[in-house]
Protein backbone atom coordinates (compact mmCIF):
# COMPACT_ATOMS: atom_id res chain seq x y z
CA MET A 1 94.25 -43.78 105.26
CA SER A 2 96.07 -44.78 108.43
CA ASP A 3 92.71 -45.63 110.04
CA PHE A 4 91.68 -47.93 107.18
CA ILE A 5 91.21 -51.52 108.46
CA VAL A 6 91.13 -54.55 106.18
CA ASN A 7 89.14 -57.58 107.34
CA GLU A 8 91.56 -60.29 106.12
CA SER A 9 89.10 -63.10 106.90
CA LYS A 10 87.07 -62.03 103.86
CA PHE A 11 90.05 -62.79 101.62
CA ILE A 12 90.83 -66.29 102.92
CA VAL A 13 90.38 -68.88 100.16
CA ASP A 14 89.14 -72.33 101.12
CA MET A 15 91.35 -74.44 98.85
CA ASP A 16 89.39 -77.64 99.51
CA ALA A 17 86.17 -75.96 98.42
CA LYS A 18 87.81 -74.97 95.11
CA THR A 19 89.15 -78.45 94.36
CA ASP A 20 87.50 -79.97 91.30
CA SER A 21 86.96 -83.50 92.58
CA PHE A 22 87.50 -86.27 90.05
CA LEU A 23 85.31 -88.63 92.14
CA SER A 24 82.40 -88.03 94.49
CA VAL A 25 81.85 -89.37 98.00
CA GLY A 26 79.67 -92.50 97.94
CA GLU A 27 80.41 -93.27 94.29
CA ILE A 28 80.71 -96.98 93.42
CA LEU A 29 83.77 -97.96 91.39
CA PRO A 30 84.01 -100.82 88.82
CA ASP A 31 85.32 -103.34 91.37
CA GLY A 32 82.63 -102.51 93.93
CA LEU A 33 84.64 -100.14 96.12
CA GLN A 34 82.78 -97.12 97.46
CA VAL A 35 84.61 -93.79 97.43
CA SER A 36 85.10 -91.95 100.71
CA ASP A 37 87.18 -88.88 101.59
CA MET A 38 89.82 -87.24 99.42
CA LEU A 39 93.12 -87.58 101.30
CA ASP A 40 95.48 -85.56 99.09
CA ASN A 41 95.51 -83.82 95.74
CA ALA A 42 97.43 -81.75 93.24
CA ALA A 43 96.60 -80.27 89.87
CA VAL A 44 96.78 -83.58 87.98
CA TRP A 45 96.05 -86.25 90.61
CA GLN A 46 93.87 -87.00 93.63
CA ILE A 47 94.06 -89.74 96.29
CA TYR A 48 90.93 -91.11 97.95
CA ALA A 49 90.19 -93.71 100.62
CA SER A 50 87.51 -96.34 100.15
CA GLU A 51 84.50 -96.29 102.47
CA ASP A 52 85.65 -99.44 104.29
CA ASN A 53 89.25 -98.14 104.56
CA SER A 54 90.53 -101.22 102.72
CA ALA A 55 91.87 -99.39 99.65
CA LEU A 56 93.52 -96.22 98.41
CA ILE A 57 92.46 -94.87 95.03
CA LEU A 58 94.74 -92.75 92.84
CA ALA A 59 92.60 -90.86 90.31
CA VAL A 60 94.17 -89.06 87.33
CA MET A 61 93.13 -87.81 83.95
CA PRO A 62 93.32 -90.50 81.22
CA ASP A 63 96.12 -88.77 79.29
CA LEU A 64 98.45 -88.96 82.31
CA ALA A 65 97.73 -92.67 82.82
CA LYS A 66 98.27 -93.32 79.09
CA ARG A 67 101.67 -91.65 79.32
CA TRP A 68 102.64 -93.80 82.33
CA VAL A 69 101.68 -96.92 80.36
CA ALA A 70 103.45 -95.78 77.19
CA GLU A 71 106.67 -95.03 79.09
CA GLY A 72 106.60 -98.33 80.99
CA TYR A 73 105.90 -97.12 84.53
CA ILE A 74 102.76 -99.25 84.84
CA LYS A 75 100.94 -101.84 82.77
CA GLU A 76 97.67 -101.13 81.01
CA SER A 77 96.03 -103.93 83.01
CA ALA A 78 96.65 -101.96 86.23
CA VAL A 79 94.47 -99.03 85.10
CA PHE A 80 90.72 -98.91 85.72
CA HIS A 81 88.77 -96.60 83.41
CA HIS A 82 85.72 -95.01 85.00
CA VAL A 83 83.23 -92.29 84.12
CA SER A 84 82.36 -89.95 86.98
CA GLY A 85 79.92 -87.09 86.46
CA GLY A 86 80.23 -87.44 82.69
CA ARG A 87 84.03 -87.22 82.82
CA GLU A 88 86.39 -90.13 82.24
CA VAL A 89 89.05 -90.71 84.90
CA ALA A 90 91.79 -93.33 85.20
CA LEU A 91 92.16 -95.15 88.52
CA LEU A 92 94.97 -97.08 90.16
CA ILE A 93 93.81 -99.01 93.23
CA SER A 94 96.06 -100.19 96.06
CA PRO A 95 95.47 -101.87 99.41
CA SER A 96 95.43 -99.13 102.04
CA SER A 97 98.23 -101.00 103.82
CA LEU A 98 100.69 -99.98 101.09
CA ILE A 99 101.93 -96.47 100.35
CA VAL A 100 100.23 -94.19 97.83
CA SER A 101 101.73 -90.79 98.51
CA PRO A 102 103.44 -87.80 96.92
CA VAL A 103 107.19 -88.27 97.26
CA THR A 104 107.49 -85.00 99.17
CA ALA A 105 105.37 -86.52 101.98
CA VAL A 106 107.29 -89.82 102.29
CA ARG A 107 109.10 -90.33 105.61
CA PHE A 108 110.68 -93.67 106.52
CA GLU A 109 110.15 -93.24 110.29
CA HIS A 110 113.12 -95.50 111.10
CA SER A 111 111.57 -98.41 109.17
CA GLN A 112 114.20 -100.34 107.23
CA ASN A 113 111.52 -102.07 105.14
CA TYR A 114 109.99 -98.72 104.14
CA ALA A 115 113.37 -97.25 103.18
CA ARG A 116 114.26 -100.30 101.12
CA SER A 117 110.86 -100.26 99.40
CA PHE A 118 111.31 -96.62 98.40
CA PHE A 119 114.88 -97.34 97.24
CA CYS A 120 113.59 -100.15 94.99
CA ALA A 121 110.88 -97.92 93.52
CA LEU A 122 113.43 -95.19 92.82
CA PHE A 123 115.67 -97.70 91.02
CA ASN A 124 112.71 -99.03 89.03
CA SER A 125 111.66 -95.56 87.87
CA ARG A 126 115.20 -94.73 86.83
CA LEU A 127 115.21 -97.87 84.67
CA LYS A 128 112.41 -96.24 82.69
CA ASN A 129 113.93 -92.75 82.46
CA HIS A 130 117.26 -91.49 83.81
CA GLU A 131 116.41 -87.80 83.43
CA ILE A 132 112.76 -87.25 84.37
CA ASN A 133 112.17 -85.04 87.41
CA LEU A 134 110.85 -87.21 90.27
CA ARG A 135 110.52 -84.51 92.92
CA ASP A 136 106.75 -84.21 92.38
CA SER A 137 106.21 -87.88 91.62
CA ILE A 138 103.80 -90.26 93.41
CA PHE A 139 105.12 -93.28 95.30
CA PHE A 140 102.85 -96.18 94.32
CA GLU A 141 104.27 -99.02 96.36
CA LEU A 142 102.14 -101.88 95.01
CA TYR A 143 103.85 -101.63 91.62
CA ASP A 144 107.19 -100.54 93.09
CA VAL A 145 107.33 -97.27 91.17
CA LEU A 146 107.56 -93.50 91.47
CA LEU A 147 105.04 -92.11 88.98
CA PRO A 148 106.24 -88.82 87.47
CA THR A 149 103.71 -86.02 87.17
CA TYR A 150 105.75 -84.07 84.56
CA THR A 151 105.52 -80.74 86.38
CA LEU A 152 107.89 -77.88 85.61
CA THR A 153 109.28 -77.63 89.14
CA ARG A 154 113.01 -77.39 89.76
CA ASN A 155 114.81 -80.68 89.16
CA VAL A 156 116.06 -82.29 92.39
CA ALA A 157 118.71 -85.00 92.63
CA ASP A 158 117.63 -88.51 93.59
CA LYS A 159 119.99 -88.40 96.57
CA ALA A 160 118.25 -85.23 97.79
CA ILE A 161 114.83 -86.89 97.41
CA PHE A 162 116.07 -89.89 99.40
CA ASN A 163 117.65 -87.67 102.08
CA ASN A 164 114.36 -85.83 102.55
CA ALA A 165 112.43 -89.10 102.88
CA SER A 166 114.88 -90.34 105.52
CA GLY A 167 113.81 -87.53 107.86
CA LEU A 168 117.36 -87.05 109.15
CA SER A 169 117.10 -83.30 108.57
CA LEU A 170 114.21 -80.89 109.08
CA THR A 171 115.54 -78.76 106.23
CA GLU A 172 114.48 -79.88 102.75
CA ASP A 173 117.40 -80.81 100.52
CA LEU A 174 116.86 -79.21 97.11
CA SER A 175 120.20 -80.16 95.58
CA SER A 176 120.00 -80.57 91.83
CA PRO A 177 121.94 -83.29 89.97
CA GLU A 178 124.43 -80.60 88.96
CA ASP A 179 125.06 -79.69 92.61
CA LEU A 180 126.30 -83.18 93.57
CA THR A 181 129.18 -85.25 92.25
CA ASP A 182 127.10 -88.40 92.86
CA PRO A 183 123.41 -87.43 92.59
CA GLY A 184 122.06 -91.01 92.45
CA VAL A 185 121.26 -93.45 95.27
CA SER A 186 123.48 -96.54 95.34
CA TYR A 187 122.97 -99.61 97.53
CA PRO A 188 125.93 -98.64 99.78
CA TYR A 189 124.31 -95.21 100.24
CA LEU A 190 121.04 -96.90 101.24
CA LEU A 191 122.94 -98.90 103.89
CA LYS A 192 124.57 -95.70 105.16
CA ILE A 193 121.18 -94.02 105.59
CA LEU A 194 119.80 -97.11 107.34
CA ARG A 195 122.67 -97.08 109.83
CA ASP A 196 122.31 -93.32 110.33
CA THR A 197 118.66 -93.90 111.26
CA ASP A 198 119.67 -96.60 113.79
CA CYS A 199 118.33 -99.55 111.78
CA ASN A 200 119.84 -102.96 112.51
CA VAL A 201 121.46 -103.74 109.15
CA CYS A 202 122.40 -107.34 108.35
CA SER A 203 125.92 -107.69 106.90
CA CYS A 204 124.80 -110.34 104.36
CA GLU A 205 125.17 -109.47 100.68
CA PRO A 206 122.00 -109.62 98.54
CA TYR A 207 121.51 -112.89 96.69
CA LEU A 208 120.36 -111.08 93.54
CA VAL A 209 121.45 -108.06 91.53
CA GLN A 210 119.13 -105.14 90.77
CA GLY A 211 117.87 -105.29 87.19
CA GLU A 212 118.15 -109.08 87.01
CA ARG A 213 115.29 -110.70 85.12
CA VAL A 214 113.13 -112.90 87.32
CA ASP A 215 112.59 -115.45 84.55
CA ASP A 216 116.36 -116.03 84.40
CA PHE A 217 116.04 -118.12 87.58
CA LEU A 218 112.29 -118.60 88.19
CA THR A 219 109.38 -119.62 86.01
CA VAL A 220 106.82 -116.87 86.51
CA GLU A 221 103.99 -115.31 84.54
CA GLY A 222 104.96 -112.13 82.73
CA ALA A 223 108.35 -110.50 82.36
CA SER A 224 109.60 -108.72 85.46
CA VAL A 225 112.92 -107.62 86.94
CA ILE A 226 114.38 -107.52 90.43
CA THR A 227 114.38 -103.95 91.73
CA GLY A 228 116.15 -104.62 95.05
CA PRO A 229 116.05 -106.32 98.45
CA LEU A 230 113.23 -105.53 100.89
CA VAL A 231 114.38 -107.86 103.68
CA ILE A 232 117.85 -109.29 104.30
CA ARG A 233 118.37 -111.78 107.10
CA GLU A 234 120.85 -114.64 107.50
CA ASP A 235 118.33 -117.36 106.59
CA PHE A 236 116.23 -115.58 103.96
CA GLN A 237 115.89 -112.53 101.75
CA VAL A 238 112.85 -110.86 100.15
CA PHE A 239 113.13 -109.02 96.83
CA ALA A 240 110.83 -106.50 95.18
CA THR A 241 110.06 -106.67 91.48
CA ASP A 242 108.58 -104.18 89.02
CA SER A 243 105.28 -106.05 89.27
CA ASP A 244 102.88 -106.75 92.15
CA LYS A 245 104.94 -109.80 93.17
CA VAL A 246 107.82 -110.26 95.60
CA VAL A 247 110.33 -113.11 95.66
CA LEU A 248 111.29 -114.85 98.91
CA LEU A 249 114.60 -116.73 98.73
CA MET A 250 115.56 -119.02 101.60
CA GLU A 251 118.66 -120.95 102.53
CA ASN A 252 118.06 -124.62 101.75
CA ASP A 253 118.41 -125.79 105.38
CA PHE A 254 116.05 -123.10 106.65
CA ALA A 255 113.44 -123.90 103.99
CA LEU A 256 113.58 -127.62 104.76
CA SER A 257 113.18 -126.92 108.48
CA MET A 258 110.01 -124.96 107.67
CA VAL A 259 108.76 -127.93 105.63
CA GLU A 260 109.48 -130.30 108.53
CA ALA A 261 107.64 -127.93 110.88
CA GLY A 262 104.58 -128.17 108.64
CA LEU A 263 104.61 -124.48 107.70
CA ILE A 264 105.44 -124.82 103.99
CA GLU A 265 104.53 -127.53 101.50
CA GLN A 266 107.51 -129.04 99.71
CA MET A 267 105.66 -128.80 96.39
CA ASP A 268 105.25 -125.03 96.79
CA LEU A 269 109.01 -124.42 96.91
CA LYS A 270 110.94 -123.67 93.75
CA SER A 271 114.65 -124.47 93.50
CA VAL A 272 116.90 -121.63 92.40
CA GLN A 273 120.45 -122.37 91.27
CA LEU A 274 122.76 -119.41 91.83
CA GLY A 275 126.54 -119.24 91.55
CA PHE A 276 127.11 -120.08 95.21
CA GLY A 277 124.53 -122.88 95.56
CA VAL A 278 120.85 -123.80 95.63
CA LEU A 279 118.19 -121.68 97.33
CA ARG A 280 114.47 -122.29 97.77
CA ALA A 281 111.96 -119.72 96.55
CA LEU A 282 108.37 -118.61 96.97
CA VAL A 283 106.70 -116.00 94.75
CA LEU A 284 104.21 -113.96 96.79
CA ASN A 285 101.56 -111.33 96.11
CA ARG A 286 102.65 -107.91 97.35
CA ARG A 287 99.07 -107.06 98.28
CA PHE A 288 99.69 -109.09 101.44
CA ALA A 289 102.26 -108.47 104.18
CA VAL A 290 105.72 -110.01 103.71
CA GLU A 291 107.80 -108.64 106.56
CA CYS A 292 109.62 -109.43 109.78
CA LEU A 293 107.63 -108.63 112.90
CA ASP A 294 110.53 -106.61 114.31
CA ASP A 295 110.56 -104.36 111.22
CA ARG A 296 106.95 -103.77 110.26
CA HIS A 297 105.94 -101.53 107.38
CA TYR A 298 102.71 -102.98 105.98
CA GLY A 299 99.95 -100.80 107.43
CA LEU A 300 97.43 -102.61 109.60
CA THR A 301 93.67 -102.45 109.24
CA VAL A 302 91.28 -103.96 111.78
CA ASN A 303 90.82 -107.02 109.54
CA SER A 304 94.52 -107.55 108.86
CA SER A 305 95.36 -107.15 112.56
CA LEU A 306 92.92 -109.94 113.41
CA LYS A 307 94.48 -112.12 110.68
CA LEU A 308 97.92 -111.52 112.20
CA ALA A 309 96.62 -112.28 115.71
CA SER A 310 95.09 -115.53 114.49
CA THR A 311 98.36 -116.46 112.77
CA ILE A 312 100.37 -115.82 115.94
CA TYR A 313 98.02 -118.11 117.85
CA ARG A 314 98.24 -120.92 115.27
CA MET A 315 102.04 -120.65 115.08
CA ARG A 316 102.25 -120.91 118.86
CA VAL A 317 100.13 -124.08 118.77
CA LYS A 318 102.59 -125.59 116.28
CA ASN A 319 105.70 -124.53 118.23
CA ALA A 320 105.32 -123.47 121.85
CA GLN A 321 108.82 -121.95 122.07
CA ALA A 322 109.22 -120.37 118.61
CA SER A 323 110.66 -116.85 118.59
CA LEU A 324 107.89 -115.07 116.70
CA ASN A 325 109.07 -111.56 117.60
CA ASN A 326 111.47 -111.45 114.66
CA GLY A 327 109.85 -114.11 112.47
CA LEU A 328 108.94 -113.49 108.83
CA TYR A 329 105.18 -112.99 108.50
CA LEU A 330 103.68 -114.20 105.22
CA GLU A 331 100.08 -113.00 105.33
CA GLU A 332 99.15 -114.69 102.04
CA LYS A 333 100.17 -118.09 103.45
CA GLY A 334 98.95 -117.39 106.99
CA ILE A 335 102.30 -118.35 108.57
CA ILE A 336 105.26 -116.88 110.42
CA LEU A 337 108.65 -118.39 109.51
CA ALA A 338 110.79 -118.69 112.64
CA ASN A 339 113.10 -121.44 113.85
CA ASN A 340 114.78 -119.85 116.88
CA ALA A 341 113.48 -120.63 120.36
CA GLU A 342 112.88 -118.20 123.22
CA SER A 343 112.64 -119.00 126.91
CA LYS A 344 109.97 -116.40 127.73
CA VAL A 345 106.96 -116.36 125.43
CA ASN A 346 104.55 -113.43 125.67
CA ASP A 347 102.31 -113.28 122.62
CA ALA A 348 99.94 -110.84 124.33
CA ALA A 349 102.76 -108.32 124.74
CA LEU A 350 103.87 -108.86 121.13
CA MET A 351 100.39 -108.29 119.72
CA ARG A 352 99.75 -105.31 121.97
CA SER A 353 102.97 -103.62 120.89
CA ILE A 354 102.10 -104.20 117.23
CA MET A 355 98.63 -102.71 117.70
CA LEU A 356 99.89 -99.70 119.65
CA GLU A 357 102.96 -98.89 117.56
CA GLY A 358 101.57 -99.53 114.07
CA PRO A 359 102.14 -98.79 111.32
CA PHE A 360 98.47 -98.19 110.62
CA ALA A 361 96.79 -98.12 107.23
CA LEU A 362 94.74 -94.98 107.89
CA ALA A 363 94.21 -94.44 111.63
CA PRO A 364 95.15 -95.94 115.02
CA PHE A 365 92.90 -98.55 116.58
CA SER A 366 90.37 -98.22 119.37
CA TYR A 367 91.09 -99.88 122.71
CA GLU A 368 88.36 -102.40 121.92
CA ASP A 369 90.10 -103.38 118.65
CA ILE A 370 93.39 -103.77 120.51
CA ASP A 371 91.87 -105.93 123.23
CA ASP A 372 90.16 -108.17 120.64
CA ALA A 373 93.41 -108.80 118.76
CA VAL A 374 95.45 -109.38 121.91
CA THR A 375 92.87 -111.87 123.21
CA LEU A 376 92.83 -113.70 119.88
CA ALA A 377 96.63 -113.95 119.71
CA SER A 378 97.13 -115.18 123.27
CA ARG A 379 94.09 -117.33 124.01
CA ARG A 380 94.93 -120.65 125.64
C-alpha cells in the first residue's frame, strides 16, 4: 500500500458552487435594483452588490428578519419582502458606501469615524439584549446595529470583538465574558483604542449621553435614541441614533458663522437647550456622508466622488481661503462646514488624495475617474 497515490484534487469541494443562492444574478428587486455578485455568505445570510454598485443587499430567510423585528433590532418598515425562484426572502438594503459586513471581518483601518460607528452599533445592540452572542453578528451600519445570527458558536466578550475589529493584534481575541473583569466596551475604552491606533482624539466631552431620547431635545419623526458620538470637534459634534438619522450639534457662534457665509439657512437650524447652554442642530439622513475630510469613512463611488468634487469647487468659490481639508462634509446639503483659513490652497491635491486613499465603496477608481474628479474640484 506504500505505492498507493491519492489524487487530492478530486476531493476538493468548490464551496461557492454548493452555495444555495437566495437571489440570482440579474434579478430585479422591488425598488428597481438589479442583483449582481454575491460578496459574502453564511448558513443564514447572504450579501450581494447591486449591478450599478450603488447598494449592498443583505438577504435572509423571513423567520430571521421577523425575529430581528420582534426583538427590536430593526423596524418592520426596513425589511423588503421578495419572492425569488418561488422562495420568499427578506431583504435589507443599504448604500454601498456604508458597512454591511460580518463582525469578524470588520477592521477600523485607523479610521476614528469607523471605530466610533461600530462602538455606537455595539451599544445599540446591547440595549436590545445584554446577553446575546454577537461574535457572528452582521454590522449593518445604516441602522446602527449589530444583527445577531443566533448561532451556537462560543460566546465572545464585547471587548474581545472590539479588540479584533481594531486590528491592533493579528491574533484573534476569543475571551469570553467570564474571562474578563470588564467584558463590555465603555466610552473611555473606545478613546484608549483610538489613541492606540494613532487617531487624533479631541479632548472635548460629548454633548449628549448614550441612550438619551432624541425627542427629549429635538422634534423628530419617530422615537429614537442617541447611541453615541461619531464626530467630536471643538465647534461641532455628530451623533448616531438607532434609526437612519444622525444629529449634528454645533456651537452657536459656529452655526451663525455658517449662516452668514451662506452655507446654512437660518430656518433649517433647530435650537437645542442643554444644561450648559444653547446649541444649533441639524438632523441628517445617514444614507449620505456626514464626516470630516481628514477622517473619511463613507465609502466613495464614482458618483459620490463627483458630488464631493463639485462641492469642493463650490465651497472654494464662496470662500477662497477656507480650510476644506478638515471641514465637515454634509453630502445631503452639498456643503462643507469650515471657518478656518489656510494660506496655501490646493484643492487638486486634496481631491487626488481622497480618490487615491479611499475609502472606496467596492473597488478603487480608474485613473480616468480620478482625473475627472480632480479636474472638477480644481477648475478655475
